[in-house]
Every structure is written in structure tokens, then in C-alpha cells.
């Protein structure tokens, strides 16, 4: 199976991980070391940020 290319930039992923409190795991173990729930929360947060950005643009 081909590895999918990420949509989020590394910087954005790192900022969200810091905000959610699991960046220390990323530093120690890489992205593969985070819990599935943390990954899900990271995606939720990125979606919230994107939706807010779209709403701001419509104003």
C-alpha cells in the first residue's frame, strides 16, 4: 500500500500537538507513537480551525 502524503504541514501538526499536550510523545517516539485518540483529537482541532477560517472569510 502506498504511503499517503499528509495534508497538514509539519508546523501545524506540531502546534496542535503542543496545544493538546502530547508533543513530548512526538519528540520521543515520532508521530507513530501517539495514541489513536490523540490523532483523532488533532484532526478534530484542525477541522475546527479550518471551519473558523472559512467562516471568517465569508464575513
PDB file of N, CA and C in Angstrom:
ATOM      1  N   UNK A   1       0.843  -1.176   0.000  1.00  0.00           N
ATOM      2  CA  UNK A   1       0.000   0.000   0.000  1.00  0.00           C
ATOM      3  C   UNK A   1       0.889   1.240   0.000  1.00  0.00           C
ATOM      4  N   UNK A   2       0.574   2.186  -0.849  1.00  0.00           N
ATOM      5  CA  UNK A   2       1.373   3.406  -0.948  1.00  0.00           C
ATOM      6  C   UNK A   2       1.134   4.296   0.265  1.00  0.00           C
ATOM      7  N   UNK A   3       2.187   4.948   0.694  1.00  0.00           N
ATOM      8  CA  UNK A   3       2.066   5.857   1.826  1.00  0.00           C
ATOM      9  C   UNK A   3       1.402   7.149   1.359  1.00  0.00           C
ATOM     10  N   UNK A   4       0.363   7.562   2.080  1.00  0.00           N
ATOM     11  CA  UNK A   4      -0.344   8.785   1.702  1.00  0.00           C
ATOM     12  C   UNK A   4       0.430  10.009   2.148  1.00  0.00           C
ATOM     13  N   UNK A   5       0.369  11.030   1.334  1.00  0.00           N
ATOM     14  CA  UNK A   5       1.036  12.281   1.664  1.00  0.00           C
ATOM     15  C   UNK A   5       0.123  13.084   2.574  1.00  0.00           C
ATOM     16  N   UNK A   6       0.679  13.655   3.628  1.00  0.00           N
ATOM     17  CA  UNK A   6      -0.113  14.418   4.580  1.00  0.00           C
ATOM     18  C   UNK A   6      -0.591  15.744   4.008  1.00  0.00           C
ATOM     19  N   UNK A   7      -1.739  16.168   4.479  1.00  0.00           N
ATOM     20  CA  UNK A   7      -2.312  17.435   4.047  1.00  0.00           C
ATOM     21  C   UNK A   7      -1.865  18.557   4.979  1.00  0.00           C
ATOM     22  N   UNK A   8      -1.767  18.253   6.274  1.00  0.00           N
ATOM     23  CA  UNK A   8      -1.354  19.274   7.244  1.00  0.00           C
ATOM     24  C   UNK A   8       0.161  19.439   7.213  1.00  0.00           C
ATOM     25  N   UNK A   9       0.595  20.672   7.358  1.00  0.00           N
ATOM     26  CA  UNK A   9       2.028  20.916   7.411  1.00  0.00           C
ATOM     27  C   UNK A   9       2.585  20.388   8.732  1.00  0.00           C
ATOM     28  N   UNK A  10       3.860  20.109   8.747  1.00  0.00           N
ATOM     29  CA  UNK A  10       4.516  19.653   9.981  1.00  0.00           C
ATOM     30  C   UNK A  10       4.363  20.700  11.077  1.00  0.00           C
ATOM     31  N   UNK A  11       4.493  21.957  10.693  1.00  0.00           N
ATOM     32  CA  UNK A  11       4.388  23.039  11.678  1.00  0.00           C
ATOM     33  C   UNK A  11       3.009  23.043  12.326  1.00  0.00           C
ATOM     34  N   UNK A  12       1.956  22.913  11.530  1.00  0.00           N
ATOM     35  CA  UNK A  12       0.599  22.904  12.071  1.00  0.00           C
ATOM     36  C   UNK A  12       0.396  21.703  12.986  1.00  0.00           C
ATOM     37  N   UNK A  13       0.866  20.539  12.567  1.00  0.00           N
ATOM     38  CA  UNK A  13       0.733  19.344  13.402  1.00  0.00           C
ATOM     39  C   UNK A  13       1.448  19.533  14.738  1.00  0.00           C
ATOM     40  N   UNK A  14       2.638  20.096  14.689  1.00  0.00           N
ATOM     41  CA  UNK A  14       3.398  20.316  15.919  1.00  0.00           C
ATOM     42  C   UNK A  14       2.685  21.299  16.835  1.00  0.00           C
ATOM     43  N   UNK A  15       2.145  22.387  16.283  1.00  0.00           N
ATOM     44  CA  UNK A  15       1.439  23.382  17.088  1.00  0.00           C
ATOM     45  C   UNK A  15       0.207  22.772  17.754  1.00  0.00           C
ATOM     46  N   UNK A  16      -0.544  21.979  17.018  1.00  0.00           N
ATOM     47  CA  UNK A  16      -1.737  21.345  17.586  1.00  0.00           C
ATOM     48  C   UNK A  16      -1.337  20.334  18.658  1.00  0.00           C
ATOM     49  N   UNK A  17      -0.294  19.562  18.415  1.00  0.00           N
ATOM     50  CA  UNK A  17       0.177  18.586  19.405  1.00  0.00           C
ATOM     51  C   UNK A  17       0.616  19.290  20.690  1.00  0.00           C
ATOM     52  N   UNK A  18       1.275  20.421  20.553  1.00  0.00           N
ATOM     53  CA  UNK A  18       1.667  21.199  21.743  1.00  0.00           C
ATOM     54  C   UNK A  18       0.438  21.695  22.484  1.00  0.00           C
ATOM     55  N   UNK A  19      -0.538  22.214  21.732  1.00  0.00           N
ATOM     56  CA  UNK A  19      -1.769  22.735  22.322  1.00  0.00           C
ATOM     57  C   UNK A  19      -2.530  21.638  23.063  1.00  0.00           C
ATOM     58  N   UNK A  20      -2.549  20.440  22.502  1.00  0.00           N
ATOM     59  CA  UNK A  20      -3.287  19.330  23.104  1.00  0.00           C
ATOM     60  C   UNK A  20      -2.474  18.558  24.141  1.00  0.00           C
ATOM     61  N   UNK A  21      -1.198  18.868  24.258  1.00  0.00           N
ATOM     62  CA  UNK A  21      -0.384  18.315  25.337  1.00  0.00           C
ATOM     63  C   UNK A  21       0.299  16.984  25.095  1.00  0.00           C
ATOM     64  N   UNK A  22       0.481  16.580  23.842  1.00  0.00           N
ATOM     65  CA  UNK A  22       1.179  15.314  23.603  1.00  0.00           C
ATOM     66  C   UNK A  22       2.408  15.471  22.701  1.00  0.00           C
ATOM     67  N   UNK A  23       2.896  16.676  22.561  1.00  0.00           N
ATOM     68  CA  UNK A  23       4.066  16.898  21.714  1.00  0.00           C
ATOM     69  C   UNK A  23       5.306  16.190  22.262  1.00  0.00           C
ATOM     70  N   UNK A  24       5.376  16.025  23.575  1.00  0.00           N
ATOM     71  CA  UNK A  24       6.518  15.321  24.159  1.00  0.00           C
ATOM     72  C   UNK A  24       6.623  13.894  23.625  1.00  0.00           C
ATOM     73  N   UNK A  25       5.481  13.251  23.398  1.00  0.00           N
ATOM     74  CA  UNK A  25       5.463  11.888  22.836  1.00  0.00           C
ATOM     75  C   UNK A  25       5.989  11.930  21.398  1.00  0.00           C
ATOM     76  N   UNK A  26       5.560  12.935  20.647  1.00  0.00           N
ATOM     77  CA  UNK A  26       6.014  13.085  19.259  1.00  0.00           C
ATOM     78  C   UNK A  26       7.529  13.245  19.222  1.00  0.00           C
ATOM     79  N   UNK A  27       8.063  14.059  20.123  1.00  0.00           N
ATOM     80  CA  UNK A  27       9.523  14.268  20.164  1.00  0.00           C
ATOM     81  C   UNK A  27      10.263  12.976  20.491  1.00  0.00           C
ATOM     82  N   UNK A  28       9.726  12.191  21.429  1.00  0.00           N
ATOM     83  CA  UNK A  28      10.386  10.954  21.848  1.00  0.00           C
ATOM     84  C   UNK A  28      10.228   9.827  20.843  1.00  0.00           C
ATOM     85  N   UNK A  29       8.986   9.651  20.324  1.00  0.00           N
ATOM     86  CA  UNK A  29       8.670   8.449  19.553  1.00  0.00           C
ATOM     87  C   UNK A  29       8.270   8.706  18.109  1.00  0.00           C
ATOM     88  N   UNK A  30       8.109   9.944  17.743  1.00  0.00           N
ATOM     89  CA  UNK A  30       7.629  10.270  16.398  1.00  0.00           C
ATOM     90  C   UNK A  30       6.110  10.208  16.356  1.00  0.00           C
ATOM     91  N   UNK A  31       5.553  10.531  15.195  1.00  0.00           N
ATOM     92  CA  UNK A  31       4.093  10.568  15.056  1.00  0.00           C
ATOM     93  C   UNK A  31       3.458   9.194  15.256  1.00  0.00           C
ATOM     94  N   UNK A  32       4.185   8.137  14.982  1.00  0.00           N
ATOM     95  CA  UNK A  32       3.646   6.790  15.165  1.00  0.00           C
ATOM     96  C   UNK A  32       3.465   6.411  16.621  1.00  0.00           C
ATOM     97  N   UNK A  33       4.015   7.183  17.530  1.00  0.00           N
ATOM     98  CA  UNK A  33       3.926   6.874  18.955  1.00  0.00           C
ATOM     99  C   UNK A  33       2.712   7.463  19.655  1.00  0.00           C
ATOM    100  N   UNK A  34       1.951   8.309  18.954  1.00  0.00           N
ATOM    101  CA  UNK A  34       0.803   8.922  19.627  1.00  0.00           C
ATOM    102  C   UNK A  34      -0.384   7.963  19.648  1.00  0.00           C
ATOM    103  N   UNK A  35      -1.275   8.167  20.604  1.00  0.00           N
ATOM    104  CA  UNK A  35      -2.467   7.340  20.720  1.00  0.00           C
ATOM    105  C   UNK A  35      -3.437   7.683  19.594  1.00  0.00           C
ATOM    106  N   UNK A  36      -4.264   6.728  19.231  1.00  0.00           N
ATOM    107  CA  UNK A  36      -5.287   6.963  18.207  1.00  0.00           C
ATOM    108  C   UNK A  36      -6.222   8.088  18.634  1.00  0.00           C
ATOM    109  N   UNK A  37      -6.538   8.150  19.915  1.00  0.00           N
ATOM    110  CA  UNK A  37      -7.434   9.210  20.399  1.00  0.00           C
ATOM    111  C   UNK A  37      -6.779  10.586  20.246  1.00  0.00           C
ATOM    112  N   UNK A  38      -5.460  10.656  20.473  1.00  0.00           N
ATOM    113  CA  UNK A  38      -4.750  11.929  20.282  1.00  0.00           C
ATOM    114  C   UNK A  38      -4.751  12.329  18.813  1.00  0.00           C
ATOM    115  N   UNK A  39      -4.558  11.361  17.941  1.00  0.00           N
ATOM    116  CA  UNK A  39      -4.592  11.648  16.498  1.00  0.00           C
ATOM    117  C   UNK A  39      -5.979  12.147  16.098  1.00  0.00           C
ATOM    118  N   UNK A  40      -7.008  11.514  16.626  1.00  0.00           N
ATOM    119  CA  UNK A  40      -8.377  11.936  16.340  1.00  0.00           C
ATOM    120  C   UNK A  40      -8.651  13.334  16.840  1.00  0.00           C
ATOM    121  N   UNK A  41      -8.173  13.637  18.051  1.00  0.00           N
ATOM    122  CA  UNK A  41      -8.353  14.984  18.602  1.00  0.00           C
ATOM    123  C   UNK A  41      -7.594  16.023  17.785  1.00  0.00           C
ATOM    124  N   UNK A  42      -6.451  15.630  17.265  1.00  0.00           N
ATOM    125  CA  UNK A  42      -5.670  16.536  16.434  1.00  0.00           C
ATOM    126  C   UNK A  42      -6.421  16.856  15.144  1.00  0.00           C
ATOM    127  N   UNK A  43      -7.017  15.855  14.539  1.00  0.00           N
ATOM    128  CA  UNK A  43      -7.787  16.054  13.310  1.00  0.00           C
ATOM    129  C   UNK A  43      -9.004  16.933  13.598  1.00  0.00           C
ATOM    130  N   UNK A  44      -9.708  16.649  14.712  1.00  0.00           N
ATOM    131  CA  UNK A  44     -10.865  17.470  15.092  1.00  0.00           C
ATOM    132  C   UNK A  44     -10.466  18.936  15.240  1.00  0.00           C
ATOM    133  N   UNK A  45      -9.347  19.160  15.902  1.00  0.00           N
ATOM    134  CA  UNK A  45      -8.877  20.538  16.130  1.00  0.00           C
ATOM    135  C   UNK A  45      -8.530  21.215  14.806  1.00  0.00           C
ATOM    136  N   UNK A  46      -7.898  20.503  13.893  1.00  0.00           N
ATOM    137  CA  UNK A  46      -7.545  21.064  12.584  1.00  0.00           C
ATOM    138  C   UNK A  46      -8.810  21.415  11.799  1.00  0.00           C
ATOM    139  N   UNK A  47      -9.828  20.568  11.889  1.00  0.00           N
ATOM    140  CA  UNK A  47     -11.093  20.841  11.202  1.00  0.00           C
ATOM    141  C   UNK A  47     -11.756  22.083  11.796  1.00  0.00           C
ATOM    142  N   UNK A  48     -11.758  22.182  13.125  1.00  0.00           N
ATOM    143  CA  UNK A  48     -12.326  23.367  13.772  1.00  0.00           C
ATOM    144  C   UNK A  48     -11.620  24.637  13.301  1.00  0.00           C
ATOM    145  N   UNK A  49     -10.301  24.570  13.223  1.00  0.00           N
ATOM    146  CA  UNK A  49      -9.522  25.730  12.779  1.00  0.00           C
ATOM    147  C   UNK A  49      -9.873  26.098  11.337  1.00  0.00           C
ATOM    148  N   UNK A  50     -10.001  25.093  10.486  1.00  0.00           N
ATOM    149  CA  UNK A  50     -10.332  25.333   9.075  1.00  0.00           C
ATOM    150  C   UNK A  50     -11.732  25.915   8.945  1.00  0.00           C
ATOM    151  N   UNK A  51     -12.688  25.361   9.690  1.00  0.00           N
ATOM    152  CA  UNK A  51     -14.057  25.871   9.622  1.00  0.00           C
ATOM    153  C   UNK A  51     -14.128  27.325  10.094  1.00  0.00           C
ATOM    154  N   UNK A  52     -13.397  27.645  11.143  1.00  0.00           N
ATOM    155  CA  UNK A  52     -13.352  29.027  11.625  1.00  0.00           C
ATOM    156  C   UNK A  52     -12.751  29.948  10.575  1.00  0.00           C
ATOM    157  N   UNK A  53     -11.723  29.472   9.903  1.00  0.00           N
ATOM    158  CA  UNK A  53     -11.089  30.263   8.848  1.00  0.00           C
ATOM    159  C   UNK A  53     -12.042  30.540   7.688  1.00  0.00           C
ATOM    160  N   UNK A  54     -12.808  29.536   7.308  1.00  0.00           N
ATOM    161  CA  UNK A  54     -13.779  29.700   6.224  1.00  0.00           C
ATOM    162  C   UNK A  54     -14.867  30.685   6.650  1.00  0.00           C
ATOM    163  N   UNK A  55     -15.342  30.561   7.878  1.00  0.00           N
ATOM    164  CA  UNK A  55     -16.376  31.466   8.385  1.00  0.00           C
ATOM    165  C   UNK A  55     -15.866  32.909   8.401  1.00  0.00           C
ATOM    166  N   UNK A  56     -14.599  33.089   8.776  1.00  0.00           N
ATOM    167  CA  UNK A  56     -14.000  34.435   8.803  1.00  0.00           C
ATOM    168  C   UNK A  56     -13.940  35.026   7.402  1.00  0.00           C
ATOM    169  N   UNK A  57     -13.619  34.189   6.405  1.00  0.00           N
ATOM    170  CA  UNK A  57     -13.502  34.661   5.023  1.00  0.00           C
ATOM    171  C   UNK A  57     -14.849  35.104   4.461  1.00  0.00           C
ATOM    172  N   UNK A  58     -15.934  34.487   4.931  1.00  0.00           N
ATOM    173  CA  UNK A  58     -17.272  34.811   4.426  1.00  0.00           C
ATOM    174  C   UNK A  58     -17.804  36.130   4.978  1.00  0.00           C
ATOM    175  N   UNK A  59     -17.188  36.644   6.013  1.00  0.00           N
ATOM    176  CA  UNK A  59     -17.651  37.900   6.631  1.00  0.00           C
ATOM    177  C   UNK A  59     -17.290  39.086   5.785  1.00  0.00           C
TER     178      UNK A  59
END
